Protein backbone atom coordinates (compact mmCIF):
# COMPACT_ATOMS: atom_id res chain seq x y z
CA UNK A 1 67.45 -63.50 8.03
CA UNK A 2 70.40 -61.15 7.73
CA UNK A 3 71.70 -59.20 10.71
CA UNK A 4 70.40 -55.87 9.22
CA UNK A 5 66.90 -57.25 8.60
CA UNK A 6 66.75 -58.64 12.14
CA UNK A 7 67.66 -55.24 13.66
CA UNK A 8 64.97 -53.42 11.61
CA UNK A 9 62.33 -55.98 12.56
CA UNK A 10 63.05 -55.61 16.27
CA UNK A 11 63.01 -51.78 16.03
CA UNK A 12 59.62 -51.72 14.35
CA UNK A 13 58.14 -54.05 16.96
CA UNK A 14 59.44 -51.81 19.78
CA UNK A 15 58.11 -48.49 18.29
CA UNK A 16 54.89 -47.17 19.85
CA UNK A 17 51.85 -47.20 17.56
CA UNK A 18 51.13 -43.91 15.74
CA UNK A 19 48.44 -41.81 17.40
CA UNK A 20 45.25 -41.46 15.35
CA UNK A 21 44.38 -37.87 14.31
CA UNK A 22 42.09 -36.09 16.79
CA UNK A 23 38.40 -36.39 16.06
CA UNK A 24 36.61 -33.17 15.11
CA UNK A 25 34.57 -31.64 17.90
CA UNK A 26 30.96 -32.68 17.93
CA UNK A 27 28.56 -30.05 16.57
CA UNK A 28 27.10 -29.49 20.04
CA UNK A 29 30.55 -28.84 21.49
CA UNK A 30 31.41 -26.44 18.69
CA UNK A 31 28.18 -24.54 19.26
CA UNK A 32 28.83 -24.33 22.99
CA UNK A 33 32.33 -22.97 22.41
CA UNK A 34 31.03 -20.33 20.00
CA UNK A 35 28.36 -19.20 22.44
CA UNK A 36 31.00 -18.71 25.12
CA UNK A 37 32.71 -16.01 23.05
CA UNK A 38 31.67 -12.34 23.38
CA UNK A 39 29.07 -11.36 20.80
CA UNK A 40 30.06 -7.70 20.58
CA UNK A 41 31.37 -6.41 17.25
CA UNK A 42 35.01 -5.41 16.93
CA UNK A 43 35.62 -1.62 16.81
CA UNK A 44 36.67 -1.76 13.17
CA UNK A 45 33.42 -3.55 12.30
CA UNK A 46 31.41 -0.85 14.06
CA UNK A 47 33.35 1.83 12.20
CA UNK A 48 32.74 0.19 8.82
CA UNK A 49 29.05 -0.46 9.44
CA UNK A 50 28.51 3.07 10.76
CA UNK A 51 30.17 4.62 7.73
CA UNK A 52 28.06 2.46 5.40
CA UNK A 53 24.87 3.43 7.25
CA UNK A 54 25.80 7.11 7.14
CA UNK A 55 26.54 6.98 3.41
CA UNK A 56 23.01 5.63 2.80
CA UNK A 57 21.57 8.22 5.14
CA UNK A 58 23.24 11.07 3.23
CA UNK A 59 22.09 9.60 -0.07
CA UNK A 60 18.46 9.74 1.10
CA UNK A 61 18.88 13.22 2.56
CA UNK A 62 20.34 14.66 -0.64
CA UNK A 63 17.99 12.88 -3.05
CA UNK A 64 15.71 14.87 -5.36
CA UNK A 65 12.84 14.29 -2.90
CA UNK A 66 15.01 14.51 0.23
CA UNK A 67 14.57 16.89 3.16
CA UNK A 68 17.18 19.31 1.79
CA UNK A 69 14.75 20.21 -1.01
CA UNK A 70 12.07 21.49 1.39
CA UNK A 71 11.50 25.21 0.69
CA UNK A 72 8.02 26.05 1.91
CA UNK A 73 5.03 25.21 4.10
CA UNK A 74 1.77 27.15 4.16
CA UNK A 75 -1.17 26.27 6.37
CA UNK A 76 -4.44 26.61 4.49
CA UNK A 77 -7.42 28.57 5.72
CA UNK A 78 -10.99 27.78 4.81
CA UNK A 79 -11.86 28.93 1.30
CA UNK A 80 -9.72 30.07 -1.65
CA UNK A 81 -6.01 30.95 -1.56
CA UNK A 82 -3.90 31.99 -4.52
CA UNK A 83 -0.60 30.24 -5.26
CA UNK A 84 2.41 31.26 -7.32
CA UNK A 85 5.81 32.94 -7.38
CA UNK A 86 4.35 36.47 -7.42
CA UNK A 87 4.90 38.54 -4.24
CA UNK A 88 1.84 38.46 -2.02
CA UNK A 89 0.70 34.97 -3.04
CA UNK A 90 -1.14 33.28 -0.19
CA UNK A 91 0.76 30.06 -0.99
CA UNK A 92 4.26 31.12 -2.14
CA UNK A 93 5.88 28.89 -4.75
CA UNK A 94 9.46 29.37 -5.98
CA UNK A 95 10.37 30.33 -9.52
CA UNK A 96 10.30 28.93 -12.16
CA UNK A 97 6.68 28.28 -11.21
CA UNK A 98 4.37 30.82 -12.84
CA UNK A 99 3.73 34.08 -10.99
CA UNK A 100 0.04 33.19 -10.86
CA UNK A 101 0.05 29.39 -10.74
CA UNK A 102 -3.43 28.59 -9.51
CA UNK A 103 -5.81 28.49 -6.58
CA UNK A 104 -6.13 26.19 -3.56
CA UNK A 105 -9.58 25.72 -2.06
CA UNK A 106 -10.06 24.23 1.38
CA UNK A 107 -13.51 22.98 2.31
CA UNK A 108 -13.34 21.33 5.72
CA UNK A 109 -11.05 18.30 5.40
CA UNK A 110 -10.88 18.52 1.60
CA UNK A 111 -8.34 20.47 -0.47
CA UNK A 112 -8.51 21.01 -4.22
CA UNK A 113 -6.23 22.85 -6.63
CA UNK A 114 -7.10 24.57 -9.92
CA UNK A 115 -4.14 25.57 -12.15
CA UNK A 116 -4.32 29.04 -13.68
CA UNK A 117 -4.52 29.46 -17.44
CA UNK A 118 -1.12 28.81 -18.95
CA UNK A 119 0.29 27.14 -15.80
CA UNK A 120 1.23 23.50 -16.42
CA UNK A 121 1.35 20.86 -13.68
CA UNK A 122 1.61 17.08 -13.72
CA UNK A 123 0.52 14.34 -11.33
CA UNK A 124 2.21 10.96 -11.69
CA UNK A 125 3.59 12.08 -15.03
CA UNK A 126 0.19 13.05 -16.46
CA UNK A 127 -1.16 16.58 -17.02
CA UNK A 128 -3.17 17.82 -14.04
CA UNK A 129 -6.07 20.10 -14.91
CA UNK A 130 -7.56 20.44 -11.42
CA UNK A 131 -9.33 18.52 -8.69
CA UNK A 132 -9.20 17.22 -5.13
CA UNK A 133 -5.76 16.28 -3.75
CA UNK A 134 -5.10 13.32 -1.48
CA UNK A 135 -3.24 14.32 1.68
CA UNK A 136 -0.35 12.44 3.31
CA UNK A 137 -2.64 11.20 6.10
CA UNK A 138 -2.53 7.64 4.74
CA UNK A 139 1.01 7.88 3.39
CA UNK A 140 0.29 8.23 -0.34
CA UNK A 141 -0.36 11.89 -1.14
CA UNK A 142 -0.88 13.42 -4.56
CA UNK A 143 2.27 15.26 -5.67
CA UNK A 144 1.96 18.01 -8.27
CA UNK A 145 5.05 19.05 -10.25
CA UNK A 146 6.14 22.01 -12.33
CA UNK A 147 9.76 21.90 -13.47
CA UNK A 148 12.03 21.39 -10.46
CA UNK A 149 9.24 22.31 -8.02
CA UNK A 150 6.75 19.92 -6.42
CA UNK A 151 4.11 20.26 -3.72
CA UNK A 152 1.67 18.13 -1.78
CA UNK A 153 -0.95 18.59 0.92
CA UNK A 154 -0.06 17.41 4.43
CA UNK A 155 -2.32 16.92 7.43
CA UNK A 156 -1.19 17.57 11.01
CA UNK A 157 -4.02 17.21 13.48
CA UNK A 158 -6.78 19.46 12.20
CA UNK A 159 -4.32 21.49 10.08
CA UNK A 160 -3.96 21.11 6.32
CA UNK A 161 -0.92 22.62 4.66
CA UNK A 162 0.95 22.80 1.36
CA UNK A 163 4.49 21.42 1.58
CA UNK A 164 6.76 22.68 -1.22
CA UNK A 165 10.03 21.16 -2.45
CA UNK A 166 12.55 22.27 -5.06
CA UNK A 167 15.29 19.94 -6.29
CA UNK A 168 17.43 23.04 -6.94
CA UNK A 169 17.05 24.37 -3.40
CA UNK A 170 20.17 26.15 -2.08
CA UNK A 171 20.27 23.84 0.96
CA UNK A 172 20.68 20.85 -1.36
CA UNK A 173 23.12 22.49 -3.76
CA UNK A 174 25.32 23.85 -0.96
CA UNK A 175 25.24 20.78 1.31
CA UNK A 176 28.65 19.70 2.58
CA UNK A 177 27.81 16.75 4.82
CA UNK A 178 27.16 16.19 8.52
CA UNK A 179 29.91 15.90 11.14
CA UNK A 180 29.90 12.54 12.87
CA UNK A 181 31.35 11.36 16.17
CA UNK A 182 34.04 8.70 15.79
CA UNK A 183 32.18 5.35 15.77
CA UNK A 184 32.66 3.51 19.04
CA UNK A 185 31.58 -0.03 19.94
CA UNK A 186 30.91 1.17 23.50
CA UNK A 187 27.83 3.02 22.19
CA UNK A 188 26.27 -0.19 20.88
CA UNK A 189 24.25 -0.74 24.03
CA UNK A 190 22.20 -3.80 24.86
CA UNK A 191 18.77 -2.90 26.22
CA UNK A 192 15.77 -4.91 27.32
CA UNK A 193 12.22 -4.00 26.48
CA UNK A 194 9.97 -3.86 29.53
CA UNK A 195 6.53 -4.17 27.90
CA UNK A 196 3.48 -2.22 28.96
CA UNK A 197 0.86 -4.15 30.83
CA UNK A 198 -1.72 -3.01 28.32
CA UNK A 199 -1.86 -1.08 25.07
CA UNK A 200 -0.48 2.41 25.64
CA UNK A 201 -0.09 5.54 23.57
CA UNK A 202 2.68 8.05 24.12
CA UNK A 203 2.05 11.78 23.90
CA UNK A 204 4.72 13.15 21.55
CA UNK A 205 5.13 16.95 21.26
CA UNK A 206 5.94 18.58 17.93
CA UNK A 207 7.57 21.82 16.80
CA UNK A 208 4.07 23.01 15.86
CA UNK A 209 3.09 23.07 19.53
CA UNK A 210 0.76 20.09 19.08
CA UNK A 211 0.76 16.63 20.64
CA UNK A 212 0.65 13.40 18.64
CA UNK A 213 -0.58 10.18 20.22
CA UNK A 214 1.65 7.30 19.12
CA UNK A 215 1.59 3.63 20.23
CA UNK A 216 4.45 2.65 22.52
CA UNK A 217 5.32 -1.00 23.30
CA UNK A 218 7.05 -0.27 26.62
CA UNK A 219 10.33 1.05 28.00
CA UNK A 220 13.86 0.27 26.81
CA UNK A 221 16.09 -0.17 29.87
CA UNK A 222 19.88 -0.07 29.48
CA UNK A 223 23.05 0.73 31.42
CA UNK A 224 25.84 3.20 30.63
CA UNK A 225 28.87 3.49 32.94
CA UNK A 226 27.07 1.50 35.63
CA UNK A 227 23.95 3.68 35.67
CA UNK A 228 20.53 2.60 34.42
CA UNK A 229 18.58 4.68 31.90
CA UNK A 230 15.23 4.37 30.13
CA UNK A 231 13.87 5.48 26.78
CA UNK A 232 10.31 5.19 25.51
CA UNK A 233 10.12 4.08 21.87
CA UNK A 234 7.14 4.29 19.55
CA UNK A 235 6.18 2.01 16.72
CA UNK A 236 4.81 3.65 13.61
CA UNK A 237 2.11 1.92 11.62
CA UNK A 238 3.56 -0.58 9.14
CA UNK A 239 7.11 -0.26 10.51
CA UNK A 240 9.27 -3.24 11.48
CA UNK A 241 11.45 -1.07 13.74
CA UNK A 242 11.24 0.86 16.98
CA UNK A 243 11.53 4.64 16.63
CA UNK A 244 13.12 6.66 19.43
CA UNK A 245 13.06 10.46 19.81
CA UNK A 246 15.56 11.43 22.49
CA UNK A 247 17.58 14.27 23.91
CA UNK A 248 20.82 14.27 25.89
CA UNK A 249 23.33 16.72 27.34
CA UNK A 250 25.24 17.13 24.06
CA UNK A 251 22.21 19.01 22.69
CA UNK A 252 23.50 22.12 24.47
CA UNK A 253 26.78 22.41 22.59
CA UNK A 254 27.52 19.65 20.07
CA UNK A 255 24.35 18.12 18.66
CA UNK A 256 21.02 19.48 17.43
CA UNK A 257 19.37 21.36 20.27
CA UNK A 258 15.92 19.80 19.94
CA UNK A 259 17.20 16.22 20.11
CA UNK A 260 17.90 13.38 17.71
CA UNK A 261 16.25 10.28 16.26
CA UNK A 262 17.27 6.62 16.54
CA UNK A 263 15.83 3.48 14.97
CA UNK A 264 16.26 0.03 16.51
CA UNK A 265 15.20 -3.48 15.53
CA UNK A 266 12.22 -5.07 17.19
CA UNK A 267 13.15 -7.07 20.31
CA UNK A 268 14.13 -10.72 20.03
CA UNK A 269 12.03 -13.37 21.85
CA UNK A 270 13.84 -12.60 25.12
CA UNK A 271 13.11 -8.87 24.86
CA UNK A 272 16.69 -7.93 23.92
CA UNK A 273 17.24 -4.86 21.75
CA UNK A 274 20.57 -3.38 20.60
CA UNK A 275 20.60 0.42 20.64
CA UNK A 276 23.37 1.61 18.33
CA UNK A 277 23.78 5.27 19.24
CA UNK A 278 26.44 5.54 16.53
CA UNK A 279 23.39 5.79 14.24
CA UNK A 280 21.65 8.63 16.08
CA UNK A 281 20.66 11.18 13.45
CA UNK A 282 19.36 14.72 13.12
CA UNK A 283 15.65 15.31 12.49
CA UNK A 284 14.54 17.17 9.34
CA UNK A 285 14.08 20.33 11.42
CA UNK A 286 17.86 20.52 11.73
CA UNK A 287 17.95 21.40 8.02
CA UNK A 288 14.71 23.26 7.35
CA UNK A 289 12.36 25.53 9.26
CA UNK A 290 9.51 24.12 7.15
CA UNK A 291 9.62 20.61 8.65
CA UNK A 292 7.09 19.45 11.27
CA UNK A 293 9.27 17.34 13.56
CA UNK A 294 8.32 15.42 16.69
CA UNK A 295 10.26 16.31 19.84
CA UNK A 296 11.47 14.05 22.67
CA UNK A 297 8.49 12.99 24.79
CA UNK A 298 8.52 13.38 28.52
CA UNK A 299 11.13 11.06 30.06
CA UNK A 300 13.24 10.79 26.89
CA UNK A 301 15.88 13.38 27.78
CA UNK A 302 18.91 11.49 29.09
CA UNK A 303 21.04 12.96 31.87
CA UNK A 304 24.30 12.02 30.14
CA UNK A 305 26.33 12.96 27.08
CA UNK A 306 25.67 10.59 24.18
CA UNK A 307 28.82 11.38 22.21
CA UNK A 308 27.89 9.19 19.26
CA UNK A 309 26.11 9.60 15.97
CA UNK A 310 25.50 12.81 14.05
CA UNK A 311 26.57 16.17 15.39
CA UNK A 312 24.99 19.58 14.78
CA UNK A 313 24.48 20.59 11.13
CA UNK A 314 22.62 23.47 9.52
CA UNK A 315 21.30 26.66 11.05
CA UNK A 316 17.91 25.53 12.41
């Protein structure tokens, strides 16, 4: 063996063995490490998700059947009532509906409509020549249309009324958006649902001066700035969300005076619910005096300023 070969051989024998690459963490360890990280969304994520939610909200509000098209509401008396765009009509309808459009007849809990001669209406795209109208009591009312105008019969307690919409309503055509608080991750609040011991209904007041009885699953308990608060949600039939009608101290100067609405997912198995106040929104009554909105039930007016979500909009 040459001198050079001998030197290389001795050097290789003296070198420490190469370290094997580190093994990947076991799945259980990876899961444990992930769970140790905070689960709150980054502020920019909250901003993006809030803006996306609000864009969808405005799309629904400004749609051809949205709340901005609401132009009339007349409560029906027993017997016959004329309808049309002529002054003095018992049920006013906007032009271009005919001056004498037809007659509503209320008989107890039943309402029918008979179009006048020469007045054309459709129901589900087919000519409507007269008959009984289904109310919104079960969520699928008959809607009659004439040009840009539509109407349906709504039931509120023992009241039956004609709700009128117009896709060319000034409120829709002149709408310029709703001011929004800057989205803030601090207003994504974790709450826990404290369930009722037994089935309970919540008495919810309305702008009509009536009370609606709605099922409530319990109380949502959460903390803001070290202080505990509670809100009572309701769950509407067929809904997979909790619905919250609440007021707070911003109602006096920055948000709609009668309060705002908030939807939240159903609680997880541990009773945890995330209340994202960045998605608090104005009720229909903020845009139209013809809406029949629920108001915050007793106990749902918070003694703090919830500076998140939609601010005041409209003149109502």
